[in-house]
Amino acid sequence: MSFSYSVIVPVLGEEERINALVDHIRTVGYGRRVEILVADGHPQRTTLAALERPGVLAVPAPRGRARQMNAAARHAGGEVLVFLHADCALPAGAFQAMDDALAGGRSQAGAFDLGIRSDKWSLRLIARVASLRSRLTLAPYGDQAQFFTRAAFDALGGFADMPILEDVDIMVRARRAGLRIGFAKGRTLASPRRWEAEGVWRRTFLNWYIILLYLLGVPPERLAPLHRAAGPLKEHS
């Protein structure tokens, strides 16, 4: 069974990469018509101004990844919504892989395993550990290209309006709601830019610390400064 897909990309300051990203999404679709929505949270809509590819739905949105993704989802027409970070890439054959994961109601939500675009052994190890953690907890993160059937996403009420960890929250809620969470064949490829800018282990242990505090009940609003404080990398949505 083939589903129709809407790929939603939240952006902030991604002028240099947006056109290549649109080309990439269309390439991994192997000719399949896929709706692409770019949700720009910058007040001047700088990424949308740089968008040169036809047939992409431009969505001005309030800043904040959760808000941007929800805004685009309201305009999406696909049976399945795919949320792709601007610095991540889908695996070849991604849409067929999601078809297989969702076929026959096998799952209503899911993601891919994680890869990181680097030859460093430390980042390869981190990606493998993250993929294993995701499968054991059924809570993949946003850089694994989370996807939901339209019905499941609407039933969950979309992403919670949180400054960070909206990806963790929605998967925890999906699991608690009894939705079946599956993993499509293949790996997303995430950019190593944050790890390289801030230090591989420093960034990794900080991520784990933030997740632990969140699971212990610390509000995301108090954790957001920790997420931003690790290094000089410019902020992205």
C-alpha atoms as a PDB file:
ATOM      1  CA  MET A   1       0.000   0.000   0.000  1.00  0.00           C
ATOM      2  CA  SER A   2       1.267   3.447  -0.923  1.00  0.00           C
ATOM      3  CA  PHE A   3       0.414   6.445   1.227  1.00  0.00           C
ATOM      4  CA  SER A   4       0.542  10.111   0.313  1.00  0.00           C
ATOM      5  CA  TYR A   5       3.190  12.024   2.243  1.00  0.00           C
ATOM      6  CA  SER A   6       3.706  15.559   3.470  1.00  0.00           C
ATOM      7  CA  VAL A   7       7.272  16.345   4.517  1.00  0.00           C
ATOM      8  CA  ILE A   8       7.411  19.245   6.963  1.00  0.00           C
ATOM      9  CA  VAL A   9      10.707  21.071   7.471  1.00  0.00           C
ATOM     10  CA  PRO A  10      10.956  23.660  10.273  1.00  0.00           C
ATOM     11  CA  VAL A  11      13.679  26.217   9.512  1.00  0.00           C
ATOM     12  CA  LEU A  12      15.463  29.177  11.029  1.00  0.00           C
ATOM     13  CA  GLY A  13      18.401  30.640   9.155  1.00  0.00           C
ATOM     14  CA  GLU A  14      18.730  27.810   6.627  1.00  0.00           C
ATOM     15  CA  GLU A  15      19.121  29.976   3.517  1.00  0.00           C
ATOM     16  CA  GLU A  16      22.228  28.166   2.315  1.00  0.00           C
ATOM     17  CA  ARG A  17      20.840  24.641   2.451  1.00  0.00           C
ATOM     18  CA  ILE A  18      17.103  24.846   1.787  1.00  0.00           C
ATOM     19  CA  ASN A  19      17.140  24.336  -1.986  1.00  0.00           C
ATOM     20  CA  ALA A  20      19.495  21.359  -1.760  1.00  0.00           C
ATOM     21  CA  LEU A  21      17.272  19.881   0.939  1.00  0.00           C
ATOM     22  CA  VAL A  22      14.186  20.141  -1.263  1.00  0.00           C
ATOM     23  CA  ASP A  23      16.123  18.463  -4.090  1.00  0.00           C
ATOM     24  CA  HIS A  24      17.190  15.718  -1.688  1.00  0.00           C
ATOM     25  CA  ILE A  25      13.626  14.978  -0.544  1.00  0.00           C
ATOM     26  CA  ARG A  26      12.473  14.681  -4.131  1.00  0.00           C
ATOM     27  CA  THR A  27      15.432  12.482  -5.055  1.00  0.00           C
ATOM     28  CA  VAL A  28      14.865   9.925  -2.297  1.00  0.00           C
ATOM     29  CA  GLY A  29      11.223   9.780  -3.360  1.00  0.00           C
ATOM     30  CA  TYR A  30      12.271   8.020  -6.586  1.00  0.00           C
ATOM     31  CA  GLY A  31       9.814  10.043  -8.641  1.00  0.00           C
ATOM     32  CA  ARG A  32       6.942   9.822  -6.174  1.00  0.00           C
ATOM     33  CA  ARG A  33       5.005  13.053  -5.772  1.00  0.00           C
ATOM     34  CA  VAL A  34       5.605  14.225  -2.218  1.00  0.00           C
ATOM     35  CA  GLU A  35       4.225  17.402  -0.709  1.00  0.00           C
ATOM     36  CA  ILE A  36       6.949  19.541   0.896  1.00  0.00           C
ATOM     37  CA  LEU A  37       6.189  22.292   3.398  1.00  0.00           C
ATOM     38  CA  VAL A  38       8.820  24.673   4.760  1.00  0.00           C
ATOM     39  CA  ALA A  39       7.849  26.419   7.989  1.00  0.00           C
ATOM     40  CA  ASP A  40      10.020  29.490   8.616  1.00  0.00           C
ATOM     41  CA  GLY A  41      10.136  30.902  12.133  1.00  0.00           C
ATOM     42  CA  HIS A  42      12.405  33.854  11.327  1.00  0.00           C
ATOM     43  CA  PRO A  43      10.603  37.231  11.585  1.00  0.00           C
ATOM     44  CA  GLN A  44      11.993  38.228   8.167  1.00  0.00           C
ATOM     45  CA  ARG A  45      11.279  34.776   6.639  1.00  0.00           C
ATOM     46  CA  THR A  46      14.841  34.655   5.348  1.00  0.00           C
ATOM     47  CA  THR A  47      14.790  30.963   4.414  1.00  0.00           C
ATOM     48  CA  LEU A  48      11.546  31.338   2.487  1.00  0.00           C
ATOM     49  CA  ALA A  49      13.081  34.292   0.640  1.00  0.00           C
ATOM     50  CA  ALA A  50      15.946  32.035  -0.447  1.00  0.00           C
ATOM     51  CA  LEU A  51      13.648  29.191  -1.541  1.00  0.00           C
ATOM     52  CA  GLU A  52      13.891  28.838  -5.318  1.00  0.00           C
ATOM     53  CA  ARG A  53      12.315  25.446  -5.961  1.00  0.00           C
ATOM     54  CA  PRO A  54       8.769  25.406  -7.358  1.00  0.00           C
ATOM     55  CA  GLY A  55       5.947  23.434  -5.849  1.00  0.00           C
ATOM     56  CA  VAL A  56       6.988  23.893  -2.212  1.00  0.00           C
ATOM     57  CA  LEU A  57       4.424  25.225   0.234  1.00  0.00           C
ATOM     58  CA  ALA A  58       5.918  28.147   2.161  1.00  0.00           C
ATOM     59  CA  VAL A  59       4.525  28.511   5.676  1.00  0.00           C
ATOM     60  CA  PRO A  60       5.331  31.622   7.735  1.00  0.00           C
ATOM     61  CA  ALA A  61       5.090  30.560  11.368  1.00  0.00           C
ATOM     62  CA  PRO A  62       5.741  31.800  14.886  1.00  0.00           C
ATOM     63  CA  ARG A  63       9.249  30.955  16.040  1.00  0.00           C
ATOM     64  CA  GLY A  64       9.746  27.680  17.868  1.00  0.00           C
ATOM     65  CA  ARG A  65      10.138  24.246  16.329  1.00  0.00           C
ATOM     66  CA  ALA A  66       6.898  22.856  17.790  1.00  0.00           C
ATOM     67  CA  ARG A  67       4.910  25.897  16.661  1.00  0.00           C
ATOM     68  CA  GLN A  68       6.441  25.806  13.202  1.00  0.00           C
ATOM     69  CA  MET A  69       5.724  22.112  12.707  1.00  0.00           C
ATOM     70  CA  ASN A  70       2.159  22.454  13.961  1.00  0.00           C
ATOM     71  CA  ALA A  71       1.566  25.434  11.681  1.00  0.00           C
ATOM     72  CA  ALA A  72       2.748  23.491   8.641  1.00  0.00           C
ATOM     73  CA  ALA A  73       0.784  20.403   9.665  1.00  0.00           C
ATOM     74  CA  ARG A  74      -2.428  22.427   9.529  1.00  0.00           C
ATOM     75  CA  HIS A  75      -1.756  23.064   5.825  1.00  0.00           C
ATOM     76  CA  ALA A  76      -0.555  19.549   4.962  1.00  0.00           C
ATOM     77  CA  GLY A  77      -2.656  17.300   2.760  1.00  0.00           C
ATOM     78  CA  GLY A  78      -0.815  13.985   3.066  1.00  0.00           C
ATOM     79  CA  GLU A  79      -2.063  10.845   4.763  1.00  0.00           C
ATOM     80  CA  VAL A  80       1.280  10.663   6.553  1.00  0.00           C
ATOM     81  CA  LEU A  81       3.164  13.613   8.054  1.00  0.00           C
ATOM     82  CA  VAL A  82       6.975  13.409   8.126  1.00  0.00           C
ATOM     83  CA  PHE A  83       8.890  15.906  10.245  1.00  0.00           C
ATOM     84  CA  LEU A  84      12.417  16.423   8.933  1.00  0.00           C
ATOM     85  CA  HIS A  85      14.996  18.639  10.594  1.00  0.00           C
ATOM     86  CA  ALA A  86      16.742  20.940   8.146  1.00  0.00           C
ATOM     87  CA  ASP A  87      20.172  19.496   8.918  1.00  0.00           C
ATOM     88  CA  CYS A  88      19.096  15.876   8.446  1.00  0.00           C
ATOM     89  CA  ALA A  89      18.743  13.684   5.360  1.00  0.00           C
ATOM     90  CA  LEU A  90      16.362  10.829   4.626  1.00  0.00           C
ATOM     91  CA  PRO A  91      17.662   7.423   3.529  1.00  0.00           C
ATOM     92  CA  ALA A  92      17.240   6.281  -0.069  1.00  0.00           C
ATOM     93  CA  GLY A  93      13.812   4.750  -0.587  1.00  0.00           C
ATOM     94  CA  ALA A  94      12.490   6.458   2.542  1.00  0.00           C
ATOM     95  CA  PHE A  95       8.873   6.622   1.432  1.00  0.00           C
ATOM     96  CA  GLN A  96       8.680   2.973   0.448  1.00  0.00           C
ATOM     97  CA  ALA A  97      10.258   2.128   3.802  1.00  0.00           C
ATOM     98  CA  MET A  98       7.572   4.133   5.599  1.00  0.00           C
ATOM     99  CA  ASP A  99       4.891   2.459   3.475  1.00  0.00           C
ATOM    100  CA  ASP A 100       6.194  -0.890   4.700  1.00  0.00           C
ATOM    101  CA  ALA A 101       6.300   0.231   8.341  1.00  0.00           C
ATOM    102  CA  LEU A 102       2.725   1.546   8.213  1.00  0.00           C
ATOM    103  CA  ALA A 103       1.163  -1.128   5.993  1.00  0.00           C
ATOM    104  CA  GLY A 104      -1.925  -2.828   7.333  1.00  0.00           C
ATOM    105  CA  GLY A 105      -1.990  -0.710  10.456  1.00  0.00           C
ATOM    106  CA  ARG A 106       1.292  -2.244  11.590  1.00  0.00           C
ATOM    107  CA  SER A 107       2.129   1.127  13.120  1.00  0.00           C
ATOM    108  CA  GLN A 108       0.620   4.595  13.310  1.00  0.00           C
ATOM    109  CA  ALA A 109       3.810   6.475  14.132  1.00  0.00           C
ATOM    110  CA  GLY A 110       7.510   5.895  13.840  1.00  0.00           C
ATOM    111  CA  ALA A 111      10.924   7.007  12.697  1.00  0.00           C
ATOM    112  CA  PHE A 112      14.172   5.749  11.197  1.00  0.00           C
ATOM    113  CA  ASP A 113      17.329   4.665  12.942  1.00  0.00           C
ATOM    114  CA  LEU A 114      19.908   7.411  13.393  1.00  0.00           C
ATOM    115  CA  GLY A 115      23.072   7.986  11.431  1.00  0.00           C
ATOM    116  CA  ILE A 116      25.468  10.921  11.726  1.00  0.00           C
ATOM    117  CA  ARG A 117      27.282  12.311   8.712  1.00  0.00           C
ATOM    118  CA  SER A 118      30.792  11.719  10.057  1.00  0.00           C
ATOM    119  CA  ASP A 119      33.615   9.175   9.953  1.00  0.00           C
ATOM    120  CA  LYS A 120      34.473   9.710  13.628  1.00  0.00           C
ATOM    121  CA  TRP A 121      34.145   6.461  15.582  1.00  0.00           C
ATOM    122  CA  SER A 122      32.692   8.379  18.539  1.00  0.00           C
ATOM    123  CA  LEU A 123      29.807   9.754  16.474  1.00  0.00           C
ATOM    124  CA  ARG A 124      29.175   6.381  14.831  1.00  0.00           C
ATOM    125  CA  LEU A 125      28.956   4.869  18.321  1.00  0.00           C
ATOM    126  CA  ILE A 126      26.602   7.598  19.522  1.00  0.00           C
ATOM    127  CA  ALA A 127      24.332   7.008  16.524  1.00  0.00           C
ATOM    128  CA  ARG A 128      24.169   3.272  17.175  1.00  0.00           C
ATOM    129  CA  VAL A 129      23.464   3.745  20.865  1.00  0.00           C
ATOM    130  CA  ALA A 130      20.761   6.298  20.038  1.00  0.00           C
ATOM    131  CA  SER A 131      19.120   3.891  17.599  1.00  0.00           C
ATOM    132  CA  LEU A 132      19.161   1.077  20.140  1.00  0.00           C
ATOM    133  CA  ARG A 133      17.735   3.364  22.837  1.00  0.00           C
ATOM    134  CA  SER A 134      14.958   4.454  20.471  1.00  0.00           C
ATOM    135  CA  ARG A 135      13.936   0.899  19.714  1.00  0.00           C
ATOM    136  CA  LEU A 136      14.009  -0.157  23.375  1.00  0.00           C
ATOM    137  CA  THR A 137      12.026   2.843  24.621  1.00  0.00           C
ATOM    138  CA  LEU A 138       9.859   3.355  21.506  1.00  0.00           C
ATOM    139  CA  ALA A 139      10.722   7.046  21.735  1.00  0.00           C
ATOM    140  CA  PRO A 140      12.803   8.096  18.709  1.00  0.00           C
ATOM    141  CA  TYR A 141      13.947  11.703  18.575  1.00  0.00           C
ATOM    142  CA  GLY A 142      13.276  14.385  15.984  1.00  0.00           C
ATOM    143  CA  ASP A 143      16.575  13.907  14.161  1.00  0.00           C
ATOM    144  CA  GLN A 144      15.315  10.434  13.214  1.00  0.00           C
ATOM    145  CA  ALA A 145      12.572  11.897  10.980  1.00  0.00           C
ATOM    146  CA  GLN A 146       9.479  11.163  13.057  1.00  0.00           C
ATOM    147  CA  PHE A 147       6.366  10.294  11.051  1.00  0.00           C
ATOM    148  CA  PHE A 148       2.699   9.953  11.972  1.00  0.00           C
ATOM    149  CA  THR A 149      -0.472   9.052  10.186  1.00  0.00           C
ATOM    150  CA  ARG A 150      -2.674  12.089   9.933  1.00  0.00           C
ATOM    151  CA  ALA A 151      -5.255  10.475  12.206  1.00  0.00           C
ATOM    152  CA  ALA A 152      -2.648   9.683  14.869  1.00  0.00           C
ATOM    153  CA  PHE A 153      -1.140  13.167  14.790  1.00  0.00           C
ATOM    154  CA  ASP A 154      -4.544  14.798  15.112  1.00  0.00           C
ATOM    155  CA  ALA A 155      -5.542  12.458  17.926  1.00  0.00           C
ATOM    156  CA  LEU A 156      -2.398  13.469  19.823  1.00  0.00           C
ATOM    157  CA  GLY A 157      -3.169  17.142  19.304  1.00  0.00           C
ATOM    158  CA  GLY A 158       0.102  17.732  17.494  1.00  0.00           C
ATOM    159  CA  PHE A 159       3.298  18.820  19.192  1.00  0.00           C
ATOM    160  CA  ALA A 160       3.066  20.409  22.622  1.00  0.00           C
ATOM    161  CA  ASP A 161       4.056  24.084  22.722  1.00  0.00           C
ATOM    162  CA  MET A 162       7.456  23.530  24.354  1.00  0.00           C
ATOM    163  CA  PRO A 163      10.778  25.340  23.818  1.00  0.00           C
ATOM    164  CA  ILE A 164      12.645  22.006  23.551  1.00  0.00           C
ATOM    165  CA  LEU A 165      11.924  18.257  23.796  1.00  0.00           C
ATOM    166  CA  GLU A 166       8.687  18.430  21.823  1.00  0.00           C
ATOM    167  CA  ASP A 167       9.936  15.375  19.928  1.00  0.00           C
ATOM    168  CA  VAL A 168      10.381  13.350  23.105  1.00  0.00           C
ATOM    169  CA  ASP A 169       7.038  14.486  24.509  1.00  0.00           C
ATOM    170  CA  ILE A 170       4.968  13.499  21.480  1.00  0.00           C
ATOM    171  CA  MET A 171       6.452  10.000  21.335  1.00  0.00           C
ATOM    172  CA  VAL A 172       5.904   9.460  25.046  1.00  0.00           C
ATOM    173  CA  ARG A 173       2.284  10.543  24.609  1.00  0.00           C
ATOM    174  CA  ALA A 174       1.892   8.306  21.557  1.00  0.00           C
ATOM    175  CA  ARG A 175       3.178   5.316  23.492  1.00  0.00           C
ATOM    176  CA  ARG A 176       0.910   6.048  26.452  1.00  0.00           C
ATOM    177  CA  ALA A 177      -2.060   6.409  24.102  1.00  0.00           C
ATOM    178  CA  GLY A 178      -1.448   2.883  22.853  1.00  0.00           C
ATOM    179  CA  LEU A 179      -0.345   3.863  19.356  1.00  0.00           C
ATOM    180  CA  ARG A 180       1.904   1.379  17.603  1.00  0.00           C
ATOM    181  CA  ILE A 181       5.332   2.881  16.981  1.00  0.00           C
ATOM    182  CA  GLY A 182       7.431   1.313  14.232  1.00  0.00           C
ATOM    183  CA  PHE A 183      10.840   1.789  12.660  1.00  0.00           C
ATOM    184  CA  ALA A 184      11.257   2.178   8.926  1.00  0.00           C
ATOM    185  CA  LYS A 185      14.221   0.562   7.209  1.00  0.00           C
ATOM    186  CA  GLY A 186      17.235   2.813   6.864  1.00  0.00           C
ATOM    187  CA  ARG A 187      18.955   5.615   8.746  1.00  0.00           C
ATOM    188  CA  THR A 188      18.555   9.340   8.686  1.00  0.00           C
ATOM    189  CA  LEU A 189      21.840  11.211   8.389  1.00  0.00           C
ATOM    190  CA  ALA A 190      22.125  14.029  10.896  1.00  0.00           C
ATOM    191  CA  SER A 191      24.656  16.810  10.602  1.00  0.00           C
ATOM    192  CA  PRO A 192      27.556  16.548  13.075  1.00  0.00           C
ATOM    193  CA  ARG A 193      27.780  20.346  13.330  1.00  0.00           C
ATOM    194  CA  ARG A 194      26.551  20.682  16.927  1.00  0.00           C
ATOM    195  CA  TRP A 195      28.758  17.877  18.242  1.00  0.00           C
ATOM    196  CA  GLU A 196      31.779  19.243  16.378  1.00  0.00           C
ATOM    197  CA  ALA A 197      31.166  22.810  17.544  1.00  0.00           C
ATOM    198  CA  GLU A 198      30.595  21.938  21.196  1.00  0.00           C
ATOM    199  CA  GLY A 199      32.611  18.754  21.666  1.00  0.00           C
ATOM    200  CA  VAL A 200      31.323  15.250  21.007  1.00  0.00           C
ATOM    201  CA  TRP A 201      31.113  13.979  24.577  1.00  0.00           C
ATOM    202  CA  ARG A 202      30.234  17.335  26.105  1.00  0.00           C
ATOM    203  CA  ARG A 203      27.213  17.636  23.814  1.00  0.00           C
ATOM    204  CA  THR A 204      26.219  13.998  24.272  1.00  0.00           C
ATOM    205  CA  PHE A 205      26.370  13.975  28.060  1.00  0.00           C
ATOM    206  CA  LEU A 206      24.533  17.292  28.217  1.00  0.00           C
ATOM    207  CA  ASN A 207      21.776  15.858  26.028  1.00  0.00           C
ATOM    208  CA  TRP A 208      21.469  12.851  28.330  1.00  0.00           C
ATOM    209  CA  TYR A 209      21.426  15.099  31.394  1.00  0.00           C
ATOM    210  CA  ILE A 210      18.651  17.259  29.935  1.00  0.00           C
ATOM    211  CA  ILE A 211      16.545  14.204  29.075  1.00  0.00           C
ATOM    212  CA  LEU A 212      17.041  12.775  32.575  1.00  0.00           C
ATOM    213  CA  LEU A 213      15.944  16.025  34.214  1.00  0.00           C
ATOM    214  CA  TYR A 214      12.908  16.174  31.947  1.00  0.00           C
ATOM    215  CA  LEU A 215      11.891  12.618  32.806  1.00  0.00           C
ATOM    216  CA  LEU A 216      12.265  13.535  36.480  1.00  0.00           C
ATOM    217  CA  GLY A 217       9.753  16.319  35.990  1.00  0.00           C
ATOM    218  CA  VAL A 218      11.835  19.451  35.400  1.00  0.00           C
ATOM    219  CA  PRO A 219       9.832  21.783  33.082  1.00  0.00           C
ATOM    220  CA  PRO A 220      11.250  22.251  29.547  1.00  0.00           C
ATOM    221  CA  GLU A 221      11.271  26.028  30.080  1.00  0.00           C
ATOM    222  CA  ARG A 222      13.925  25.554  32.763  1.00  0.00           C
ATOM    223  CA  LEU A 223      15.913  23.133  30.594  1.00  0.00           C
ATOM    224  CA  ALA A 224      16.025  25.268  27.446  1.00  0.00           C
ATOM    225  CA  PRO A 225      18.885  27.504  28.716  1.00  0.00           C
ATOM    226  CA  LEU A 226      20.937  24.365  29.400  1.00  0.00           C
ATOM    227  CA  HIS A 227      20.393  23.205  25.820  1.00  0.00           C
ATOM    228  CA  ARG A 228      21.599  26.535  24.419  1.00  0.00           C
ATOM    229  CA  ALA A 229      24.466  27.084  26.828  1.00  0.00           C
ATOM    230  CA  ALA A 230      26.830  24.355  25.691  1.00  0.00           C
ATOM    231  CA  GLY A 231      28.552  26.202  22.885  1.00  0.00           C
ATOM    232  CA  PRO A 232      28.727  28.959  20.288  1.00  0.00           C
ATOM    233  CA  LEU A 233      26.791  27.276  17.484  1.00  0.00           C
ATOM    234  CA  LYS A 234      24.204  29.626  16.051  1.00  0.00           C
ATOM    235  CA  GLU A 235      20.655  28.676  16.945  1.00  0.00           C
ATOM    236  CA  HIS A 236      18.556  26.736  14.460  1.00  0.00           C
ATOM    237  CA  SER A 237      14.926  25.823  14.635  1.00  0.00           C
END
